Amino acid sequence: MLMTTSYKKWLEEKMTIPEAFHAAQKELREQVLDPYQWAVSNISKIYYILALFLTLSSALGLF
């Protein structure tokens, strides 16, 4: 949930990764979802997305 929401915000709303992540956290909290439902199970996805982003950014010469 967390990563899907933050990834959509990053791609569709053109937010930076930290902004998208925080906006997704806020959105899920506003839906009154317990953070353990969406945060703990998605920790490994955070590292995967970050690694993918860094790899693509490097390949495109953004960094």
PDB file of N, CA and C in Angstrom:
ATOM      1  N   MET A   1       0.807  -1.192   0.000  1.00  0.00           N
ATOM      2  CA  MET A   1       0.000   0.000   0.000  1.00  0.00           C
ATOM      3  C   MET A   1       0.855   1.263   0.000  1.00  0.00           C
ATOM      4  N   LEU A   2       1.792   1.309   0.916  1.00  0.00           N
ATOM      5  CA  LEU A   2       2.614   2.505   1.039  1.00  0.00           C
ATOM      6  C   LEU A   2       3.438   2.736  -0.224  1.00  0.00           C
ATOM      7  N   MET A   3       4.105   1.709  -0.684  1.00  0.00           N
ATOM      8  CA  MET A   3       4.969   1.884  -1.849  1.00  0.00           C
ATOM      9  C   MET A   3       4.167   2.131  -3.113  1.00  0.00           C
ATOM     10  N   THR A   4       3.042   1.458  -3.251  1.00  0.00           N
ATOM     11  CA  THR A   4       2.204   1.674  -4.428  1.00  0.00           C
ATOM     12  C   THR A   4       1.721   3.114  -4.474  1.00  0.00           C
ATOM     13  N   THR A   5       1.257   3.601  -3.341  1.00  0.00           N
ATOM     14  CA  THR A   5       0.760   4.977  -3.270  1.00  0.00           C
ATOM     15  C   THR A   5       1.882   5.979  -3.513  1.00  0.00           C
ATOM     16  N   SER A   6       3.033   5.773  -2.890  1.00  0.00           N
ATOM     17  CA  SER A   6       4.135   6.724  -3.068  1.00  0.00           C
ATOM     18  C   SER A   6       4.686   6.675  -4.489  1.00  0.00           C
ATOM     19  N   TYR A   7       4.732   5.487  -5.084  1.00  0.00           N
ATOM     20  CA  TYR A   7       5.224   5.356  -6.459  1.00  0.00           C
ATOM     21  C   TYR A   7       4.293   6.088  -7.424  1.00  0.00           C
ATOM     22  N   LYS A   8       2.976   5.963  -7.213  1.00  0.00           N
ATOM     23  CA  LYS A   8       2.015   6.680  -8.066  1.00  0.00           C
ATOM     24  C   LYS A   8       2.180   8.187  -7.932  1.00  0.00           C
ATOM     25  N   LYS A   9       2.378   8.645  -6.704  1.00  0.00           N
ATOM     26  CA  LYS A   9       2.554  10.080  -6.489  1.00  0.00           C
ATOM     27  C   LYS A   9       3.835  10.572  -7.145  1.00  0.00           C
ATOM     28  N   TRP A  10       4.873   9.763  -7.101  1.00  0.00           N
ATOM     29  CA  TRP A  10       6.152  10.127  -7.713  1.00  0.00           C
ATOM     30  C   TRP A  10       6.014  10.221  -9.229  1.00  0.00           C
ATOM     31  N   LEU A  11       5.356   9.226  -9.831  1.00  0.00           N
ATOM     32  CA  LEU A  11       5.246   9.198 -11.285  1.00  0.00           C
ATOM     33  C   LEU A  11       4.135  10.089 -11.828  1.00  0.00           C
ATOM     34  N   GLU A  12       2.965  10.013 -11.250  1.00  0.00           N
ATOM     35  CA  GLU A  12       1.812  10.717 -11.798  1.00  0.00           C
ATOM     36  C   GLU A  12       1.737  12.181 -11.365  1.00  0.00           C
ATOM     37  N   GLU A  13       2.116  12.454 -10.122  1.00  0.00           N
ATOM     38  CA  GLU A  13       2.025  13.829  -9.622  1.00  0.00           C
ATOM     39  C   GLU A  13       3.364  14.545  -9.669  1.00  0.00           C
ATOM     40  N   LYS A  14       4.395  13.862 -10.192  1.00  0.00           N
ATOM     41  CA  LYS A  14       5.731  14.438 -10.387  1.00  0.00           C
ATOM     42  C   LYS A  14       6.342  14.995  -9.110  1.00  0.00           C
ATOM     43  N   MET A  15       6.080  14.320  -7.974  1.00  0.00           N
ATOM     44  CA  MET A  15       6.687  14.720  -6.707  1.00  0.00           C
ATOM     45  C   MET A  15       8.093  14.140  -6.631  1.00  0.00           C
ATOM     46  N   THR A  16       8.909  14.725  -5.766  1.00  0.00           N
ATOM     47  CA  THR A  16      10.197  14.091  -5.496  1.00  0.00           C
ATOM     48  C   THR A  16       9.916  12.817  -4.701  1.00  0.00           C
ATOM     49  N   ILE A  17      10.888  11.938  -4.630  1.00  0.00           N
ATOM     50  CA  ILE A  17      10.683  10.682  -3.906  1.00  0.00           C
ATOM     51  C   ILE A  17      10.359  10.928  -2.427  1.00  0.00           C
ATOM     52  N   PRO A  18      11.108  11.776  -1.714  1.00  0.00           N
ATOM     53  CA  PRO A  18      10.746  12.019  -0.309  1.00  0.00           C
ATOM     54  C   PRO A  18       9.357  12.637  -0.160  1.00  0.00           C
ATOM     55  N   GLU A  19       9.011  13.582  -1.037  1.00  0.00           N
ATOM     56  CA  GLU A  19       7.681  14.197  -0.971  1.00  0.00           C
ATOM     57  C   GLU A  19       6.588  13.159  -1.216  1.00  0.00           C
ATOM     58  N   ALA A  20       6.793  12.307  -2.212  1.00  0.00           N
ATOM     59  CA  ALA A  20       5.800  11.282  -2.542  1.00  0.00           C
ATOM     60  C   ALA A  20       5.639  10.294  -1.388  1.00  0.00           C
ATOM     61  N   PHE A  21       6.750   9.915  -0.775  1.00  0.00           N
ATOM     62  CA  PHE A  21       6.708   8.969   0.338  1.00  0.00           C
ATOM     63  C   PHE A  21       5.940   9.564   1.522  1.00  0.00           C
ATOM     64  N   HIS A  22       6.249  10.810   1.860  1.00  0.00           N
ATOM     65  CA  HIS A  22       5.574  11.457   2.988  1.00  0.00           C
ATOM     66  C   HIS A  22       4.092  11.711   2.690  1.00  0.00           C
ATOM     67  N   ALA A  23       3.789  12.080   1.452  1.00  0.00           N
ATOM     68  CA  ALA A  23       2.392  12.290   1.073  1.00  0.00           C
ATOM     69  C   ALA A  23       1.613  10.980   1.148  1.00  0.00           C
ATOM     70  N   ALA A  24       2.247   9.883   0.751  1.00  0.00           N
ATOM     71  CA  ALA A  24       1.596   8.576   0.832  1.00  0.00           C
ATOM     72  C   ALA A  24       1.363   8.176   2.283  1.00  0.00           C
ATOM     73  N   GLN A  25       2.345   8.418   3.142  1.00  0.00           N
ATOM     74  CA  GLN A  25       2.166   8.134   4.564  1.00  0.00           C
ATOM     75  C   GLN A  25       0.985   8.919   5.119  1.00  0.00           C
ATOM     76  N   LYS A  26       0.932  10.202   4.791  1.00  0.00           N
ATOM     77  CA  LYS A  26      -0.141  11.054   5.284  1.00  0.00           C
ATOM     78  C   LYS A  26      -1.503  10.570   4.775  1.00  0.00           C
ATOM     79  N   GLU A  27      -1.560  10.218   3.498  1.00  0.00           N
ATOM     80  CA  GLU A  27      -2.814   9.733   2.916  1.00  0.00           C
ATOM     81  C   GLU A  27      -3.300   8.463   3.606  1.00  0.00           C
ATOM     82  N   LEU A  28      -2.390   7.538   3.852  1.00  0.00           N
ATOM     83  CA  LEU A  28      -2.772   6.287   4.498  1.00  0.00           C
ATOM     84  C   LEU A  28      -3.179   6.509   5.950  1.00  0.00           C
ATOM     85  N   ARG A  29      -2.520   7.447   6.621  1.00  0.00           N
ATOM     86  CA  ARG A  29      -2.929   7.765   7.994  1.00  0.00           C
ATOM     87  C   ARG A  29      -4.322   8.382   8.025  1.00  0.00           C
ATOM     88  N   GLU A  30      -4.613   9.223   7.035  1.00  0.00           N
ATOM     89  CA  GLU A  30      -5.928   9.859   6.966  1.00  0.00           C
ATOM     90  C   GLU A  30      -7.040   8.838   6.694  1.00  0.00           C
ATOM     91  N   GLN A  31      -6.672   7.718   6.088  1.00  0.00           N
ATOM     92  CA  GLN A  31      -7.639   6.644   5.851  1.00  0.00           C
ATOM     93  C   GLN A  31      -7.794   5.774   7.099  1.00  0.00           C
ATOM     94  N   VAL A  32      -7.141   6.185   8.184  1.00  0.00           N
ATOM     95  CA  VAL A  32      -7.196   5.514   9.484  1.00  0.00           C
ATOM     96  C   VAL A  32      -6.710   4.062   9.385  1.00  0.00           C
ATOM     97  N   LEU A  33      -5.690   3.854   8.595  1.00  0.00           N
ATOM     98  CA  LEU A  33      -5.081   2.531   8.511  1.00  0.00           C
ATOM     99  C   LEU A  33      -3.943   2.460   9.518  1.00  0.00           C
ATOM    100  N   ASP A  34      -3.859   1.387  10.221  1.00  0.00           N
ATOM    101  CA  ASP A  34      -2.795   1.165  11.184  1.00  0.00           C
ATOM    102  C   ASP A  34      -1.466   1.059  10.432  1.00  0.00           C
ATOM    103  N   PRO A  35      -0.443   1.830  10.836  1.00  0.00           N
ATOM    104  CA  PRO A  35       0.841   1.780  10.131  1.00  0.00           C
ATOM    105  C   PRO A  35       1.420   0.376   9.994  1.00  0.00           C
ATOM    106  N   TYR A  36       1.128  -0.511  10.931  1.00  0.00           N
ATOM    107  CA  TYR A  36       1.647  -1.876  10.814  1.00  0.00           C
ATOM    108  C   TYR A  36       1.031  -2.606   9.632  1.00  0.00           C
ATOM    109  N   GLN A  37      -0.105  -2.150   9.142  1.00  0.00           N
ATOM    110  CA  GLN A  37      -0.721  -2.770   7.979  1.00  0.00           C
ATOM    111  C   GLN A  37       0.026  -2.420   6.701  1.00  0.00           C
ATOM    112  N   TRP A  38       0.619  -1.233   6.653  1.00  0.00           N
ATOM    113  CA  TRP A  38       1.224  -0.819   5.407  1.00  0.00           C
ATOM    114  C   TRP A  38       2.717  -0.556   5.488  1.00  0.00           C
ATOM    115  N   ALA A  39       3.261  -0.328   6.646  1.00  0.00           N
ATOM    116  CA  ALA A  39       4.672   0.052   6.732  1.00  0.00           C
ATOM    117  C   ALA A  39       5.617  -1.133   6.832  1.00  0.00           C
ATOM    118  N   VAL A  40       5.371  -2.018   7.754  1.00  0.00           N
ATOM    119  CA  VAL A  40       6.326  -3.092   8.030  1.00  0.00           C
ATOM    120  C   VAL A  40       6.496  -4.021   6.836  1.00  0.00           C
ATOM    121  N   SER A  41       5.412  -4.373   6.197  1.00  0.00           N
ATOM    122  CA  SER A  41       5.500  -5.323   5.089  1.00  0.00           C
ATOM    123  C   SER A  41       6.108  -4.709   3.841  1.00  0.00           C
ATOM    124  N   ASN A  42       6.275  -3.396   3.830  1.00  0.00           N
ATOM    125  CA  ASN A  42       6.773  -2.735   2.627  1.00  0.00           C
ATOM    126  C   ASN A  42       8.207  -2.238   2.732  1.00  0.00           C
ATOM    127  N   ILE A  43       8.876  -2.537   3.829  1.00  0.00           N
ATOM    128  CA  ILE A  43      10.236  -2.025   4.008  1.00  0.00           C
ATOM    129  C   ILE A  43      11.170  -2.504   2.905  1.00  0.00           C
ATOM    130  N   SER A  44      11.090  -3.766   2.540  1.00  0.00           N
ATOM    131  CA  SER A  44      11.976  -4.269   1.494  1.00  0.00           C
ATOM    132  C   SER A  44      11.676  -3.614   0.156  1.00  0.00           C
ATOM    133  N   LYS A  45      10.430  -3.237  -0.085  1.00  0.00           N
ATOM    134  CA  LYS A  45      10.077  -2.580  -1.338  1.00  0.00           C
ATOM    135  C   LYS A  45      10.701  -1.192  -1.421  1.00  0.00           C
ATOM    136  N   ILE A  46      10.870  -0.543  -0.289  1.00  0.00           N
ATOM    137  CA  ILE A  46      11.487   0.781  -0.273  1.00  0.00           C
ATOM    138  C   ILE A  46      12.903   0.693  -0.836  1.00  0.00           C
ATOM    139  N   TYR A  47      13.661  -0.287  -0.375  1.00  0.00           N
ATOM    140  CA  TYR A  47      15.028  -0.444  -0.844  1.00  0.00           C
ATOM    141  C   TYR A  47      15.062  -0.814  -2.319  1.00  0.00           C
ATOM    142  N   TYR A  48      14.132  -1.643  -2.747  1.00  0.00           N
ATOM    143  CA  TYR A  48      14.075  -2.032  -4.157  1.00  0.00           C
ATOM    144  C   TYR A  48      13.788  -0.817  -5.038  1.00  0.00           C
ATOM    145  N   ILE A  49      12.783  -0.037  -4.674  1.00  0.00           N
ATOM    146  CA  ILE A  49      12.406   1.144  -5.461  1.00  0.00           C
ATOM    147  C   ILE A  49      13.553   2.152  -5.478  1.00  0.00           C
ATOM    148  N   LEU A  50      14.165   2.363  -4.327  1.00  0.00           N
ATOM    149  CA  LEU A  50      15.278   3.301  -4.246  1.00  0.00           C
ATOM    150  C   LEU A  50      16.437   2.845  -5.131  1.00  0.00           C
ATOM    151  N   ALA A  51      16.768   1.564  -5.068  1.00  0.00           N
ATOM    152  CA  ALA A  51      17.847   1.032  -5.903  1.00  0.00           C
ATOM    153  C   ALA A  51      17.504   1.164  -7.386  1.00  0.00           C
ATOM    154  N   LEU A  52      16.261   0.883  -7.733  1.00  0.00           N
ATOM    155  CA  LEU A  52      15.822   1.016  -9.117  1.00  0.00           C
ATOM    156  C   LEU A  52      15.918   2.464  -9.576  1.00  0.00           C
ATOM    157  N   PHE A  53      15.444   3.375  -8.746  1.00  0.00           N
ATOM    158  CA  PHE A  53      15.497   4.796  -9.076  1.00  0.00           C
ATOM    159  C   PHE A  53      16.944   5.256  -9.272  1.00  0.00           C
ATOM    160  N   LEU A  54      17.817   4.886  -8.350  1.00  0.00           N
ATOM    161  CA  LEU A  54      19.213   5.301  -8.453  1.00  0.00           C
ATOM    162  C   LEU A  54      19.895   4.723  -9.688  1.00  0.00           C
ATOM    163  N   THR A  55      19.574   3.476 -10.000  1.00  0.00           N
ATOM    164  CA  THR A  55      20.139   2.834 -11.182  1.00  0.00           C
ATOM    165  C   THR A  55      19.674   3.546 -12.453  1.00  0.00           C
ATOM    166  N   LEU A  56      18.372   3.793 -12.540  1.00  0.00           N
ATOM    167  CA  LEU A  56      17.829   4.462 -13.726  1.00  0.00           C
ATOM    168  C   LEU A  56      18.350   5.891 -13.835  1.00  0.00           C
ATOM    169  N   SER A  57      18.401   6.594 -12.710  1.00  0.00           N
ATOM    170  CA  SER A  57      18.890   7.968 -12.716  1.00  0.00           C
ATOM    171  C   SER A  57      20.337   8.029 -13.161  1.00  0.00           C
ATOM    172  N   SER A  58      21.126   7.084 -12.694  1.00  0.00           N
ATOM    173  CA  SER A  58      22.528   7.034 -13.084  1.00  0.00           C
ATOM    174  C   SER A  58      22.664   6.724 -14.568  1.00  0.00           C
ATOM    175  N   ALA A  59      21.867   5.770 -15.043  1.00  0.00           N
ATOM    176  CA  ALA A  59      21.920   5.388 -16.456  1.00  0.00           C
ATOM    177  C   ALA A  59      21.496   6.547 -17.358  1.00  0.00           C
ATOM    178  N   LEU A  60      20.584   7.375 -16.888  1.00  0.00           N
ATOM    179  CA  LEU A  60      20.109   8.509 -17.671  1.00  0.00           C
ATOM    180  C   LEU A  60      20.958   9.745 -17.469  1.00  0.00           C
ATOM    181  N   GLY A  61      21.952   9.653 -16.589  1.00  0.00           N
ATOM    182  CA  GLY A  61      22.848  10.762 -16.340  1.00  0.00           C
ATOM    183  C   GLY A  61      22.248  11.865 -15.494  1.00  0.00           C
ATOM    184  N   LEU A  62      21.271  11.508 -14.658  1.00  0.00           N
ATOM    185  CA  LEU A  62      20.644  12.512 -13.801  1.00  0.00           C
ATOM    186  C   LEU A  62      21.468  12.820 -12.555  1.00  0.00           C
ATOM    187  N   PHE A  63      22.355  11.902 -12.198  1.00  0.00           N
ATOM    188  CA  PHE A  63      23.227  12.112 -11.028  1.00  0.00           C
ATOM    189  C   PHE A  63      24.659  12.089 -11.466  1.00  0.00           C
TER     190      PHE A  63
END
